[in-house]
């Protein structure tokens, strides 16, 4: 049983809030700027959850496979794909033991997953394994050294929060993984989580964050 099973039904509620929509737009732009998805690209969404990024990729014409340990989250992802008539293969699978041959995918994306894995760099290695030569691995994670990281760590102290299982990373820790293949890093969520959301600026990312202090980090490795 995944720690996310009990939270599956309420998980997508975040994306319906003004701040959730804004954060999702910003993180998507950051990650897709590195992934550069295109129609026909064979993509693995490792730790797909309720399919947020899987569906976005499928709408762009990508051939998407989403894997997750939580069957409850996958059930919601399947229903969402069916409602949009999108062809996405969703499979119950551990990202630390992917049941695919080496180089099976043009690209792998994994968003806000590593922080819930005990040995995150081992999981990243497994994701890298299934990327074909010349392909890309894009990983996004909440930055521990940011106001957003501080917020989620505080939330994690509550016994009923899934974030009690999280161990957040920072840019330096992410960069330890295959530094010879690390092509680019980006950070976003430069505004503080306690800022008021101005709907007229939805999707924009303004703030005085210092380098390495953005709330969300994305990195891209090329095989």
N, C-alpha and C. Protein backbone atom coordinates (compact mmCIF):
# COMPACT_ATOMS: atom_id res chain seq x y z
N UNK A 1 0.84 -1.21 0.00
CA UNK A 1 0.00 0.00 0.00
C UNK A 1 0.87 1.25 0.00
N UNK A 2 0.56 2.20 -0.86
CA UNK A 2 1.31 3.45 -0.93
C UNK A 2 0.80 4.44 0.12
N UNK A 3 1.71 5.30 0.59
CA UNK A 3 1.29 6.32 1.56
C UNK A 3 0.30 7.29 0.94
N UNK A 4 0.22 7.31 -0.39
CA UNK A 4 -0.67 8.24 -1.07
C UNK A 4 -2.09 7.70 -1.23
N UNK A 5 -2.30 6.41 -0.97
CA UNK A 5 -3.63 5.84 -1.19
C UNK A 5 -4.71 6.57 -0.41
N UNK A 6 -4.42 6.90 0.84
CA UNK A 6 -5.42 7.56 1.69
C UNK A 6 -5.67 9.01 1.28
N UNK A 7 -4.80 9.57 0.45
CA UNK A 7 -4.92 10.97 0.06
C UNK A 7 -5.36 11.13 -1.39
N UNK A 8 -5.60 10.02 -2.08
CA UNK A 8 -5.86 10.07 -3.52
C UNK A 8 -7.08 10.92 -3.88
N UNK A 9 -8.17 10.74 -3.15
CA UNK A 9 -9.41 11.42 -3.51
C UNK A 9 -9.34 12.93 -3.35
N UNK A 10 -8.51 13.39 -2.44
CA UNK A 10 -8.42 14.83 -2.20
C UNK A 10 -7.21 15.47 -2.88
N UNK A 11 -6.36 14.66 -3.49
CA UNK A 11 -5.08 15.15 -4.01
C UNK A 11 -5.25 16.25 -5.06
N UNK A 12 -6.17 16.06 -5.99
CA UNK A 12 -6.32 17.03 -7.08
C UNK A 12 -6.99 18.33 -6.65
N UNK A 13 -7.52 18.38 -5.44
CA UNK A 13 -8.16 19.61 -4.98
C UNK A 13 -7.22 20.80 -5.01
N UNK A 14 -5.95 20.57 -4.77
CA UNK A 14 -4.94 21.64 -4.80
C UNK A 14 -4.94 22.37 -6.14
N UNK A 15 -5.10 21.62 -7.23
CA UNK A 15 -5.01 22.21 -8.56
C UNK A 15 -6.23 23.05 -8.92
N UNK A 16 -7.27 23.00 -8.11
CA UNK A 16 -8.46 23.80 -8.38
C UNK A 16 -8.43 25.14 -7.65
N UNK A 17 -7.46 25.34 -6.78
CA UNK A 17 -7.34 26.60 -6.04
C UNK A 17 -6.55 27.60 -6.87
N UNK A 18 -6.74 28.91 -6.64
CA UNK A 18 -5.97 29.90 -7.41
C UNK A 18 -4.46 29.71 -7.28
N UNK A 19 -3.96 29.49 -6.07
CA UNK A 19 -2.53 29.32 -5.90
C UNK A 19 -2.06 28.00 -6.52
N UNK A 20 -2.88 26.96 -6.40
CA UNK A 20 -2.52 25.67 -6.98
C UNK A 20 -2.43 25.73 -8.49
N UNK A 21 -3.38 26.42 -9.11
CA UNK A 21 -3.35 26.58 -10.57
C UNK A 21 -2.10 27.33 -11.00
N UNK A 22 -1.78 28.38 -10.27
CA UNK A 22 -0.62 29.19 -10.63
C UNK A 22 0.67 28.38 -10.48
N UNK A 23 0.81 27.68 -9.38
CA UNK A 23 1.99 26.87 -9.14
C UNK A 23 2.13 25.80 -10.22
N UNK A 24 1.02 25.16 -10.57
CA UNK A 24 1.05 24.11 -11.59
C UNK A 24 1.50 24.66 -12.94
N UNK A 25 1.01 25.82 -13.31
CA UNK A 25 1.41 26.44 -14.58
C UNK A 25 2.91 26.73 -14.59
N UNK A 26 3.41 27.26 -13.50
CA UNK A 26 4.82 27.64 -13.42
C UNK A 26 5.72 26.40 -13.44
N UNK A 27 5.36 25.39 -12.66
CA UNK A 27 6.17 24.18 -12.62
C UNK A 27 6.15 23.45 -13.95
N UNK A 28 5.00 23.44 -14.61
CA UNK A 28 4.90 22.80 -15.92
C UNK A 28 5.78 23.49 -16.93
N UNK A 29 5.74 24.81 -16.95
CA UNK A 29 6.57 25.56 -17.88
C UNK A 29 8.05 25.30 -17.63
N UNK A 30 8.43 25.23 -16.38
CA UNK A 30 9.82 24.97 -16.02
C UNK A 30 10.26 23.59 -16.50
N UNK A 31 9.46 22.58 -16.21
CA UNK A 31 9.82 21.21 -16.57
C UNK A 31 9.78 20.97 -18.08
N UNK A 32 8.73 21.45 -18.73
CA UNK A 32 8.60 21.23 -20.18
C UNK A 32 9.62 22.02 -20.97
N UNK A 33 10.12 23.12 -20.40
CA UNK A 33 11.19 23.85 -21.05
C UNK A 33 12.45 23.02 -21.17
N UNK A 34 12.65 22.10 -20.24
CA UNK A 34 13.79 21.19 -20.28
C UNK A 34 13.48 19.91 -21.06
N UNK A 35 12.28 19.40 -20.90
CA UNK A 35 11.90 18.15 -21.56
C UNK A 35 11.71 18.34 -23.07
N UNK A 36 11.13 19.47 -23.46
CA UNK A 36 10.80 19.78 -24.86
C UNK A 36 9.97 18.66 -25.49
N UNK A 37 8.79 18.38 -24.91
CA UNK A 37 7.94 17.30 -25.44
C UNK A 37 7.44 17.61 -26.84
N UNK A 38 7.30 16.57 -27.64
CA UNK A 38 6.80 16.72 -29.00
C UNK A 38 5.92 15.53 -29.34
N UNK A 39 5.07 15.71 -30.33
CA UNK A 39 4.16 14.65 -30.75
C UNK A 39 4.95 13.41 -31.16
N UNK A 40 4.50 12.26 -30.67
CA UNK A 40 5.14 11.00 -30.99
C UNK A 40 6.24 10.59 -30.04
N UNK A 41 6.68 11.50 -29.17
CA UNK A 41 7.72 11.18 -28.19
C UNK A 41 7.20 10.14 -27.20
N UNK A 42 7.99 9.10 -26.97
CA UNK A 42 7.62 8.05 -26.02
C UNK A 42 8.15 8.44 -24.65
N UNK A 43 7.24 8.76 -23.72
CA UNK A 43 7.62 9.33 -22.43
C UNK A 43 7.11 8.48 -21.27
N UNK A 44 7.97 8.27 -20.29
CA UNK A 44 7.57 7.64 -19.04
C UNK A 44 7.40 8.72 -17.98
N UNK A 45 6.23 8.74 -17.34
CA UNK A 45 5.98 9.61 -16.20
C UNK A 45 6.16 8.76 -14.95
N UNK A 46 7.32 8.88 -14.32
CA UNK A 46 7.70 8.02 -13.20
C UNK A 46 7.19 8.62 -11.89
N UNK A 47 6.22 7.93 -11.28
CA UNK A 47 5.55 8.47 -10.10
C UNK A 47 4.46 9.43 -10.54
N UNK A 48 3.59 8.95 -11.41
CA UNK A 48 2.62 9.82 -12.11
C UNK A 48 1.48 10.30 -11.23
N UNK A 49 1.24 9.64 -10.09
CA UNK A 49 0.14 10.05 -9.23
C UNK A 49 -1.20 9.99 -9.94
N UNK A 50 -1.96 11.06 -9.87
CA UNK A 50 -3.28 11.11 -10.51
C UNK A 50 -3.20 11.53 -11.97
N UNK A 51 -2.00 11.54 -12.53
CA UNK A 51 -1.86 11.75 -13.97
C UNK A 51 -1.75 13.18 -14.43
N UNK A 52 -1.46 14.10 -13.55
CA UNK A 52 -1.40 15.51 -13.93
C UNK A 52 -0.48 15.75 -15.13
N UNK A 53 0.76 15.28 -15.03
CA UNK A 53 1.70 15.50 -16.13
C UNK A 53 1.51 14.49 -17.25
N UNK A 54 1.07 13.30 -16.94
CA UNK A 54 0.80 12.31 -17.99
C UNK A 54 -0.22 12.84 -18.98
N UNK A 55 -1.29 13.43 -18.46
CA UNK A 55 -2.34 13.94 -19.34
C UNK A 55 -1.87 15.14 -20.14
N UNK A 56 -1.07 16.00 -19.53
CA UNK A 56 -0.54 17.15 -20.27
C UNK A 56 0.31 16.68 -21.45
N UNK A 57 1.12 15.67 -21.22
CA UNK A 57 1.97 15.13 -22.28
C UNK A 57 1.14 14.46 -23.36
N UNK A 58 0.11 13.73 -22.95
CA UNK A 58 -0.76 13.06 -23.93
C UNK A 58 -1.49 14.08 -24.80
N UNK A 59 -1.89 15.21 -24.21
CA UNK A 59 -2.55 16.25 -25.00
C UNK A 59 -1.63 16.82 -26.07
N UNK A 60 -0.33 16.74 -25.84
CA UNK A 60 0.66 17.23 -26.81
C UNK A 60 1.00 16.17 -27.86
N UNK A 61 0.39 15.01 -27.74
CA UNK A 61 0.61 13.96 -28.73
C UNK A 61 1.69 12.96 -28.35
N UNK A 62 2.20 13.03 -27.14
CA UNK A 62 3.22 12.07 -26.69
C UNK A 62 2.58 10.71 -26.42
N UNK A 63 3.37 9.66 -26.61
CA UNK A 63 2.95 8.31 -26.23
C UNK A 63 3.39 8.10 -24.78
N UNK A 64 2.44 8.14 -23.86
CA UNK A 64 2.77 8.25 -22.44
C UNK A 64 2.47 6.96 -21.69
N UNK A 65 3.42 6.58 -20.85
CA UNK A 65 3.22 5.53 -19.86
C UNK A 65 3.42 6.16 -18.49
N UNK A 66 2.45 5.98 -17.61
CA UNK A 66 2.56 6.51 -16.25
C UNK A 66 2.61 5.37 -15.26
N UNK A 67 3.56 5.42 -14.34
CA UNK A 67 3.66 4.37 -13.32
C UNK A 67 3.64 4.99 -11.93
N UNK A 68 3.05 4.26 -10.99
CA UNK A 68 2.96 4.73 -9.61
C UNK A 68 2.69 3.54 -8.71
N UNK A 69 3.11 3.65 -7.46
CA UNK A 69 2.84 2.59 -6.48
C UNK A 69 1.41 2.63 -5.96
N UNK A 70 0.78 3.80 -6.02
CA UNK A 70 -0.55 3.96 -5.45
C UNK A 70 -1.63 3.56 -6.45
N UNK A 71 -2.29 2.46 -6.19
CA UNK A 71 -3.38 2.02 -7.07
C UNK A 71 -4.56 2.98 -7.00
N UNK A 72 -4.76 3.62 -5.86
CA UNK A 72 -5.85 4.59 -5.73
C UNK A 72 -5.59 5.82 -6.60
N UNK A 73 -4.36 6.29 -6.62
CA UNK A 73 -4.01 7.42 -7.48
C UNK A 73 -4.13 7.03 -8.94
N UNK A 74 -3.68 5.83 -9.29
CA UNK A 74 -3.76 5.37 -10.67
C UNK A 74 -5.21 5.25 -11.14
N UNK A 75 -6.09 4.81 -10.26
CA UNK A 75 -7.51 4.68 -10.64
C UNK A 75 -8.08 6.04 -11.03
N UNK A 76 -7.70 7.08 -10.32
CA UNK A 76 -8.16 8.43 -10.66
C UNK A 76 -7.54 8.88 -11.97
N UNK A 77 -6.26 8.58 -12.17
CA UNK A 77 -5.59 8.95 -13.42
C UNK A 77 -6.27 8.29 -14.62
N UNK A 78 -6.62 7.03 -14.47
CA UNK A 78 -7.28 6.30 -15.55
C UNK A 78 -8.62 6.93 -15.89
N UNK A 79 -9.39 7.29 -14.87
CA UNK A 79 -10.69 7.92 -15.10
C UNK A 79 -10.54 9.28 -15.78
N UNK A 80 -9.55 10.04 -15.39
CA UNK A 80 -9.33 11.35 -16.01
C UNK A 80 -8.94 11.21 -17.48
N UNK A 81 -8.09 10.24 -17.78
CA UNK A 81 -7.69 10.01 -19.17
C UNK A 81 -8.89 9.56 -20.01
N UNK A 82 -9.70 8.69 -19.43
CA UNK A 82 -10.88 8.20 -20.13
C UNK A 82 -11.86 9.34 -20.41
N UNK A 83 -12.01 10.24 -19.45
CA UNK A 83 -12.94 11.37 -19.62
C UNK A 83 -12.53 12.28 -20.76
N UNK A 84 -11.22 12.35 -21.03
CA UNK A 84 -10.72 13.19 -22.12
C UNK A 84 -10.44 12.40 -23.39
N UNK A 85 -10.73 11.10 -23.33
CA UNK A 85 -10.47 10.21 -24.46
C UNK A 85 -8.99 10.24 -24.86
N UNK A 86 -8.13 10.23 -23.85
CA UNK A 86 -6.69 10.24 -24.08
C UNK A 86 -6.13 8.83 -23.86
N UNK A 87 -5.24 8.42 -24.73
CA UNK A 87 -4.62 7.11 -24.60
C UNK A 87 -3.34 7.22 -23.78
N UNK A 88 -3.42 6.80 -22.54
CA UNK A 88 -2.27 6.77 -21.65
C UNK A 88 -2.26 5.41 -20.96
N UNK A 89 -1.10 4.77 -20.93
CA UNK A 89 -0.98 3.49 -20.24
C UNK A 89 -0.55 3.75 -18.81
N UNK A 90 -1.40 3.39 -17.87
CA UNK A 90 -1.08 3.56 -16.45
C UNK A 90 -0.84 2.18 -15.83
N UNK A 91 0.29 2.04 -15.14
CA UNK A 91 0.69 0.76 -14.59
C UNK A 91 1.12 0.89 -13.13
N UNK A 92 0.74 -0.06 -12.27
CA UNK A 92 1.24 -0.06 -10.89
C UNK A 92 2.69 -0.56 -10.89
N UNK A 93 3.60 0.28 -10.43
CA UNK A 93 5.01 -0.08 -10.52
C UNK A 93 5.83 0.81 -9.59
N UNK A 94 6.91 0.23 -9.07
CA UNK A 94 7.85 0.94 -8.21
C UNK A 94 8.89 1.62 -9.09
N UNK A 95 9.08 2.92 -8.93
CA UNK A 95 10.06 3.63 -9.76
C UNK A 95 11.48 3.17 -9.45
N UNK A 96 11.70 2.49 -8.34
CA UNK A 96 13.02 1.96 -8.02
C UNK A 96 13.28 0.61 -8.68
N UNK A 97 12.24 0.03 -9.30
CA UNK A 97 12.38 -1.26 -9.97
C UNK A 97 11.47 -1.27 -11.19
N UNK A 98 11.83 -0.47 -12.18
CA UNK A 98 11.00 -0.31 -13.37
C UNK A 98 11.06 -1.57 -14.24
N UNK A 99 9.90 -2.04 -14.65
CA UNK A 99 9.81 -3.28 -15.41
C UNK A 99 9.87 -2.99 -16.91
N UNK A 100 10.92 -2.31 -17.32
CA UNK A 100 11.14 -1.98 -18.72
C UNK A 100 12.59 -2.28 -19.08
N UNK A 101 12.83 -2.57 -20.35
CA UNK A 101 14.19 -2.82 -20.80
C UNK A 101 14.98 -1.52 -20.82
N UNK A 102 16.29 -1.63 -20.85
CA UNK A 102 17.14 -0.45 -20.95
C UNK A 102 16.78 0.35 -22.20
N UNK A 103 16.76 1.67 -22.07
CA UNK A 103 16.52 2.53 -23.22
C UNK A 103 15.13 2.43 -23.82
N UNK A 104 14.14 2.10 -23.01
CA UNK A 104 12.78 1.89 -23.53
C UNK A 104 12.06 3.18 -23.92
N UNK A 105 12.51 4.33 -23.41
CA UNK A 105 11.77 5.58 -23.61
C UNK A 105 12.65 6.68 -24.20
N UNK A 106 12.01 7.54 -24.98
CA UNK A 106 12.70 8.72 -25.49
C UNK A 106 13.04 9.67 -24.36
N UNK A 107 12.18 9.70 -23.36
CA UNK A 107 12.38 10.61 -22.23
C UNK A 107 11.65 10.08 -21.01
N UNK A 108 12.14 10.47 -19.84
CA UNK A 108 11.48 10.17 -18.57
C UNK A 108 11.33 11.47 -17.81
N UNK A 109 10.15 11.68 -17.24
CA UNK A 109 9.90 12.83 -16.39
C UNK A 109 9.42 12.33 -15.04
N UNK A 110 9.85 12.98 -13.98
CA UNK A 110 9.43 12.59 -12.63
C UNK A 110 9.30 13.86 -11.80
N UNK A 111 8.08 14.17 -11.40
CA UNK A 111 7.80 15.44 -10.74
C UNK A 111 7.34 15.21 -9.30
N UNK A 112 8.08 15.82 -8.36
CA UNK A 112 7.76 15.75 -6.93
C UNK A 112 7.61 14.31 -6.46
N UNK A 113 8.60 13.50 -6.81
CA UNK A 113 8.61 12.08 -6.46
C UNK A 113 9.80 11.72 -5.58
N UNK A 114 10.99 12.20 -5.94
CA UNK A 114 12.20 11.79 -5.24
C UNK A 114 12.15 12.08 -3.75
N UNK A 115 11.42 13.14 -3.36
CA UNK A 115 11.38 13.50 -1.95
C UNK A 115 10.65 12.46 -1.10
N UNK A 116 9.94 11.54 -1.76
CA UNK A 116 9.22 10.49 -1.03
C UNK A 116 9.91 9.13 -1.12
N UNK A 117 11.16 9.13 -1.59
CA UNK A 117 11.91 7.88 -1.77
C UNK A 117 13.12 7.89 -0.85
N UNK A 118 13.35 6.78 -0.17
CA UNK A 118 14.41 6.72 0.83
C UNK A 118 15.79 6.95 0.23
N UNK A 119 16.06 6.34 -0.92
CA UNK A 119 17.34 6.52 -1.61
C UNK A 119 17.07 7.15 -2.97
N UNK A 120 16.88 8.47 -3.00
CA UNK A 120 16.41 9.13 -4.22
C UNK A 120 17.36 9.00 -5.41
N UNK A 121 18.66 9.00 -5.18
CA UNK A 121 19.58 8.91 -6.31
C UNK A 121 19.58 7.52 -6.93
N UNK A 122 19.27 6.50 -6.14
CA UNK A 122 19.11 5.15 -6.69
C UNK A 122 17.90 5.11 -7.61
N UNK A 123 16.83 5.78 -7.21
CA UNK A 123 15.64 5.84 -8.06
C UNK A 123 15.94 6.61 -9.34
N UNK A 124 16.69 7.70 -9.23
CA UNK A 124 17.06 8.47 -10.42
C UNK A 124 17.88 7.61 -11.37
N UNK A 125 18.75 6.77 -10.84
CA UNK A 125 19.56 5.88 -11.68
C UNK A 125 18.68 4.90 -12.44
N UNK A 126 17.65 4.40 -11.79
CA UNK A 126 16.73 3.47 -12.45
C UNK A 126 15.95 4.19 -13.56
N UNK A 127 15.55 5.41 -13.30
CA UNK A 127 14.88 6.20 -14.35
C UNK A 127 15.82 6.43 -15.53
N UNK A 128 17.06 6.75 -15.23
CA UNK A 128 18.06 7.01 -16.27
C UNK A 128 18.28 5.76 -17.12
N UNK A 129 18.23 4.60 -16.50
CA UNK A 129 18.44 3.34 -17.20
C UNK A 129 17.48 3.15 -18.36
N UNK A 130 16.23 3.55 -18.18
CA UNK A 130 15.22 3.28 -19.22
C UNK A 130 15.12 4.40 -20.25
N UNK A 131 16.00 5.41 -20.16
CA UNK A 131 16.07 6.45 -21.19
C UNK A 131 16.97 5.96 -22.31
N UNK A 132 16.55 6.14 -23.54
CA UNK A 132 17.38 5.71 -24.67
C UNK A 132 18.58 6.64 -24.83
N UNK A 133 19.59 6.18 -25.55
CA UNK A 133 20.76 7.01 -25.80
C UNK A 133 20.35 8.26 -26.57
N UNK A 134 20.76 9.41 -26.08
CA UNK A 134 20.35 10.67 -26.68
C UNK A 134 19.08 11.23 -26.09
N UNK A 135 18.42 10.45 -25.22
CA UNK A 135 17.18 10.89 -24.60
C UNK A 135 17.41 11.72 -23.35
N UNK A 136 16.31 12.16 -22.75
CA UNK A 136 16.38 13.08 -21.62
C UNK A 136 15.67 12.53 -20.38
N UNK A 137 16.25 12.83 -19.24
CA UNK A 137 15.61 12.60 -17.95
C UNK A 137 15.41 13.95 -17.29
N UNK A 138 14.17 14.27 -16.95
CA UNK A 138 13.84 15.53 -16.28
C UNK A 138 13.22 15.22 -14.93
N UNK A 139 13.81 15.76 -13.89
CA UNK A 139 13.33 15.55 -12.52
C UNK A 139 13.01 16.90 -11.89
N UNK A 140 11.84 16.99 -11.28
CA UNK A 140 11.45 18.19 -10.55
C UNK A 140 11.23 17.86 -9.09
N UNK A 141 11.62 18.76 -8.20
CA UNK A 141 11.48 18.48 -6.77
C UNK A 141 11.33 19.78 -5.99
N UNK A 142 10.65 19.70 -4.87
CA UNK A 142 10.53 20.84 -3.97
C UNK A 142 11.89 21.12 -3.34
N UNK A 143 12.29 22.37 -3.34
CA UNK A 143 13.59 22.78 -2.83
C UNK A 143 13.54 22.97 -1.31
N UNK A 144 14.32 22.18 -0.60
CA UNK A 144 14.35 22.27 0.86
C UNK A 144 14.79 23.66 1.33
N UNK A 145 15.69 24.30 0.59
CA UNK A 145 16.25 25.58 1.01
C UNK A 145 15.45 26.75 0.46
N UNK A 146 14.16 26.70 0.62
CA UNK A 146 13.28 27.74 0.10
C UNK A 146 12.10 27.93 1.04
N UNK A 147 11.40 29.06 0.93
CA UNK A 147 10.18 29.23 1.74
C UNK A 147 9.15 28.14 1.47
N UNK A 148 9.09 27.66 0.22
CA UNK A 148 8.15 26.58 -0.09
C UNK A 148 8.56 25.29 0.61
N UNK A 149 9.86 25.00 0.61
CA UNK A 149 10.33 23.82 1.32
C UNK A 149 10.04 23.91 2.80
N UNK A 150 10.24 25.09 3.37
CA UNK A 150 9.95 25.30 4.79
C UNK A 150 8.47 25.06 5.08
N UNK A 151 7.61 25.54 4.16
CA UNK A 151 6.17 25.35 4.34
C UNK A 151 5.81 23.86 4.36
N UNK A 152 6.32 23.11 3.39
CA UNK A 152 5.97 21.69 3.31
C UNK A 152 6.56 20.89 4.47
N UNK A 153 7.73 21.31 4.94
CA UNK A 153 8.28 20.63 6.12
C UNK A 153 7.42 20.88 7.35
N UNK A 154 6.88 22.10 7.46
CA UNK A 154 5.97 22.40 8.56
C UNK A 154 4.69 21.59 8.43
N UNK A 155 4.15 21.52 7.22
CA UNK A 155 2.95 20.70 6.99
C UNK A 155 3.24 19.24 7.35
N UNK A 156 4.46 18.79 7.03
CA UNK A 156 4.84 17.41 7.29
C UNK A 156 4.87 17.04 8.76
N UNK A 157 4.93 18.05 9.61
CA UNK A 157 4.93 17.76 11.05
C UNK A 157 3.55 17.37 11.56
N UNK A 158 2.53 17.59 10.72
CA UNK A 158 1.18 17.19 11.09
C UNK A 158 1.02 15.70 10.78
N UNK A 159 0.47 14.97 11.69
CA UNK A 159 0.41 13.52 11.55
C UNK A 159 -0.45 13.06 10.39
N UNK A 160 -1.38 13.91 9.93
CA UNK A 160 -2.30 13.50 8.89
C UNK A 160 -1.82 13.90 7.50
N UNK A 161 -0.61 14.42 7.38
CA UNK A 161 -0.13 14.91 6.09
C UNK A 161 0.80 13.90 5.43
N UNK A 162 0.66 13.75 4.10
CA UNK A 162 1.55 12.87 3.35
C UNK A 162 2.99 13.38 3.40
N UNK A 163 3.16 14.68 3.65
CA UNK A 163 4.51 15.25 3.66
C UNK A 163 5.32 14.82 4.89
N UNK A 164 4.70 14.15 5.82
CA UNK A 164 5.47 13.62 6.95
C UNK A 164 6.43 12.53 6.48
N UNK A 165 6.19 12.00 5.27
CA UNK A 165 7.05 10.96 4.71
C UNK A 165 8.14 11.54 3.81
N UNK A 166 8.14 12.86 3.62
CA UNK A 166 9.03 13.47 2.63
C UNK A 166 10.38 13.85 3.24
N UNK A 167 11.40 13.77 2.39
CA UNK A 167 12.72 14.26 2.74
C UNK A 167 13.16 15.10 1.54
N UNK A 168 13.10 16.41 1.70
CA UNK A 168 13.30 17.31 0.57
C UNK A 168 14.78 17.49 0.24
N UNK A 169 15.04 17.75 -1.04
CA UNK A 169 16.39 17.92 -1.55
C UNK A 169 16.68 19.39 -1.82
N UNK A 170 17.94 19.68 -2.16
CA UNK A 170 18.29 21.01 -2.64
C UNK A 170 19.06 20.86 -3.95
N UNK A 171 19.43 21.97 -4.56
CA UNK A 171 20.07 21.94 -5.88
C UNK A 171 21.40 21.20 -5.85
N UNK A 172 22.18 21.41 -4.81
CA UNK A 172 23.48 20.75 -4.73
C UNK A 172 23.33 19.24 -4.64
N UNK A 173 22.34 18.78 -3.88
CA UNK A 173 22.11 17.34 -3.76
C UNK A 173 21.64 16.74 -5.07
N UNK A 174 20.77 17.43 -5.78
CA UNK A 174 20.32 16.95 -7.09
C UNK A 174 21.49 16.85 -8.06
N UNK A 175 22.40 17.80 -7.99
CA UNK A 175 23.51 17.87 -8.93
C UNK A 175 24.55 16.78 -8.72
N UNK A 176 24.46 16.05 -7.62
CA UNK A 176 25.38 14.95 -7.38
C UNK A 176 25.10 13.76 -8.29
N UNK A 177 23.87 13.68 -8.79
CA UNK A 177 23.51 12.55 -9.64
C UNK A 177 24.08 12.75 -11.04
N UNK A 178 24.92 11.85 -11.46
CA UNK A 178 25.51 11.85 -12.80
C UNK A 178 25.88 13.26 -13.28
N UNK A 179 26.77 13.92 -12.57
CA UNK A 179 27.12 15.30 -12.96
C UNK A 179 27.67 15.40 -14.37
N UNK A 180 28.27 14.32 -14.87
CA UNK A 180 28.81 14.34 -16.23
C UNK A 180 27.73 14.38 -17.29
N UNK A 181 26.51 14.00 -16.93
CA UNK A 181 25.39 14.00 -17.87
C UNK A 181 24.36 15.10 -17.58
N UNK A 182 24.60 15.86 -16.52
CA UNK A 182 23.68 16.94 -16.15
C UNK A 182 23.87 18.10 -17.12
N UNK A 183 22.81 18.42 -17.86
CA UNK A 183 22.89 19.45 -18.90
C UNK A 183 22.42 20.80 -18.39
N UNK A 184 21.33 20.81 -17.62
CA UNK A 184 20.75 22.09 -17.22
C UNK A 184 19.94 21.95 -15.95
N UNK A 185 19.92 23.00 -15.15
CA UNK A 185 19.05 23.08 -13.98
C UNK A 185 18.28 24.40 -14.04
N UNK A 186 17.07 24.37 -13.53
CA UNK A 186 16.25 25.57 -13.47
C UNK A 186 15.53 25.59 -12.13
N UNK A 187 15.17 26.79 -11.71
CA UNK A 187 14.35 26.91 -10.51
C UNK A 187 13.20 27.86 -10.77
N UNK A 188 12.10 27.61 -10.10
CA UNK A 188 10.91 28.44 -10.26
C UNK A 188 10.24 28.59 -8.90
N UNK A 189 9.04 29.14 -8.89
CA UNK A 189 8.35 29.52 -7.66
C UNK A 189 9.23 30.48 -6.87
N UNK A 190 9.48 31.63 -7.48
CA UNK A 190 10.34 32.64 -6.86
C UNK A 190 9.59 33.48 -5.84
N UNK A 191 8.25 33.44 -5.91
CA UNK A 191 7.45 34.17 -4.93
C UNK A 191 7.22 33.31 -3.69
N UNK A 192 6.94 33.95 -2.59
CA UNK A 192 6.72 33.24 -1.34
C UNK A 192 5.32 32.60 -1.32
N UNK A 193 5.15 31.49 -0.63
CA UNK A 193 3.84 30.84 -0.59
C UNK A 193 2.78 31.65 0.14
N UNK A 194 3.19 32.63 0.96
CA UNK A 194 2.21 33.45 1.67
C UNK A 194 1.84 34.71 0.90
N UNK A 195 2.36 34.87 -0.34
CA UNK A 195 1.96 36.01 -1.16
C UNK A 195 0.52 35.87 -1.62
N UNK A 196 -0.17 36.99 -1.76
CA UNK A 196 -1.51 36.97 -2.32
C UNK A 196 -1.42 36.62 -3.80
N UNK A 197 -2.36 35.84 -4.27
CA UNK A 197 -2.39 35.46 -5.67
C UNK A 197 -3.20 36.48 -6.44
N UNK A 198 -2.58 37.13 -7.40
CA UNK A 198 -3.26 38.08 -8.28
C UNK A 198 -3.61 37.34 -9.56
N UNK A 199 -4.89 37.06 -9.75
CA UNK A 199 -5.30 36.29 -10.91
C UNK A 199 -4.90 36.93 -12.23
N UNK A 200 -4.70 38.24 -12.23
CA UNK A 200 -4.30 38.90 -13.47
C UNK A 200 -2.88 38.53 -13.86
N UNK A 201 -2.12 37.97 -12.91
CA UNK A 201 -0.74 37.57 -13.20
C UNK A 201 -0.59 36.05 -13.10
N UNK A 202 -1.69 35.35 -13.29
CA UNK A 202 -1.65 33.90 -13.21
C UNK A 202 -0.62 33.34 -14.19
N UNK A 203 0.21 32.44 -13.70
CA UNK A 203 1.21 31.81 -14.53
C UNK A 203 2.54 32.52 -14.52
N UNK A 204 2.60 33.77 -14.01
CA UNK A 204 3.87 34.47 -13.94
C UNK A 204 4.60 34.08 -12.66
N UNK A 205 5.90 34.32 -12.66
CA UNK A 205 6.73 33.89 -11.54
C UNK A 205 7.68 35.01 -11.16
N UNK A 206 7.21 35.90 -10.29
CA UNK A 206 8.02 37.04 -9.88
C UNK A 206 8.44 36.87 -8.43
N UNK A 207 9.63 37.35 -8.12
CA UNK A 207 10.07 37.30 -6.74
C UNK A 207 11.56 37.55 -6.62
N UNK A 208 12.02 37.85 -5.43
CA UNK A 208 13.43 38.20 -5.21
C UNK A 208 14.30 37.02 -4.79
N UNK A 209 13.88 35.80 -5.13
CA UNK A 209 14.59 34.62 -4.62
C UNK A 209 16.07 34.64 -5.04
N UNK A 210 16.93 34.27 -4.09
CA UNK A 210 18.35 34.14 -4.37
C UNK A 210 18.58 32.88 -5.20
N UNK A 211 19.72 32.81 -5.92
CA UNK A 211 20.05 31.57 -6.64
C UNK A 211 20.04 30.37 -5.70
N UNK A 212 19.38 29.30 -6.13
CA UNK A 212 19.27 28.12 -5.29
C UNK A 212 18.17 28.17 -4.26
N UNK A 213 17.37 29.25 -4.27
CA UNK A 213 16.31 29.42 -3.27
C UNK A 213 14.91 29.35 -3.87
N UNK A 214 14.80 29.09 -5.17
CA UNK A 214 13.49 28.94 -5.77
C UNK A 214 12.75 27.77 -5.15
N UNK A 215 11.43 27.86 -5.10
CA UNK A 215 10.65 26.84 -4.41
C UNK A 215 10.64 25.49 -5.07
N UNK A 216 10.84 25.46 -6.39
CA UNK A 216 10.81 24.19 -7.12
C UNK A 216 12.00 24.13 -8.06
N UNK A 217 12.67 22.99 -8.07
CA UNK A 217 13.87 22.80 -8.87
C UNK A 217 13.60 21.78 -9.97
N UNK A 218 14.11 22.03 -11.16
CA UNK A 218 14.04 21.07 -12.26
C UNK A 218 15.44 20.88 -12.82
N UNK A 219 15.78 19.65 -13.14
CA UNK A 219 17.08 19.34 -13.71
C UNK A 219 16.90 18.39 -14.88
N UNK A 220 17.79 18.51 -15.87
CA UNK A 220 17.72 17.65 -17.05
C UNK A 220 19.07 17.00 -17.32
N UNK A 221 19.03 15.69 -17.47
CA UNK A 221 20.20 14.91 -17.84
C UNK A 221 20.00 14.35 -19.24
N UNK A 222 21.05 14.31 -20.01
CA UNK A 222 20.98 13.73 -21.35
C UNK A 222 21.88 12.50 -21.41
N UNK A 223 21.35 11.43 -21.96
CA UNK A 223 22.07 10.16 -21.97
C UNK A 223 22.99 10.06 -23.18
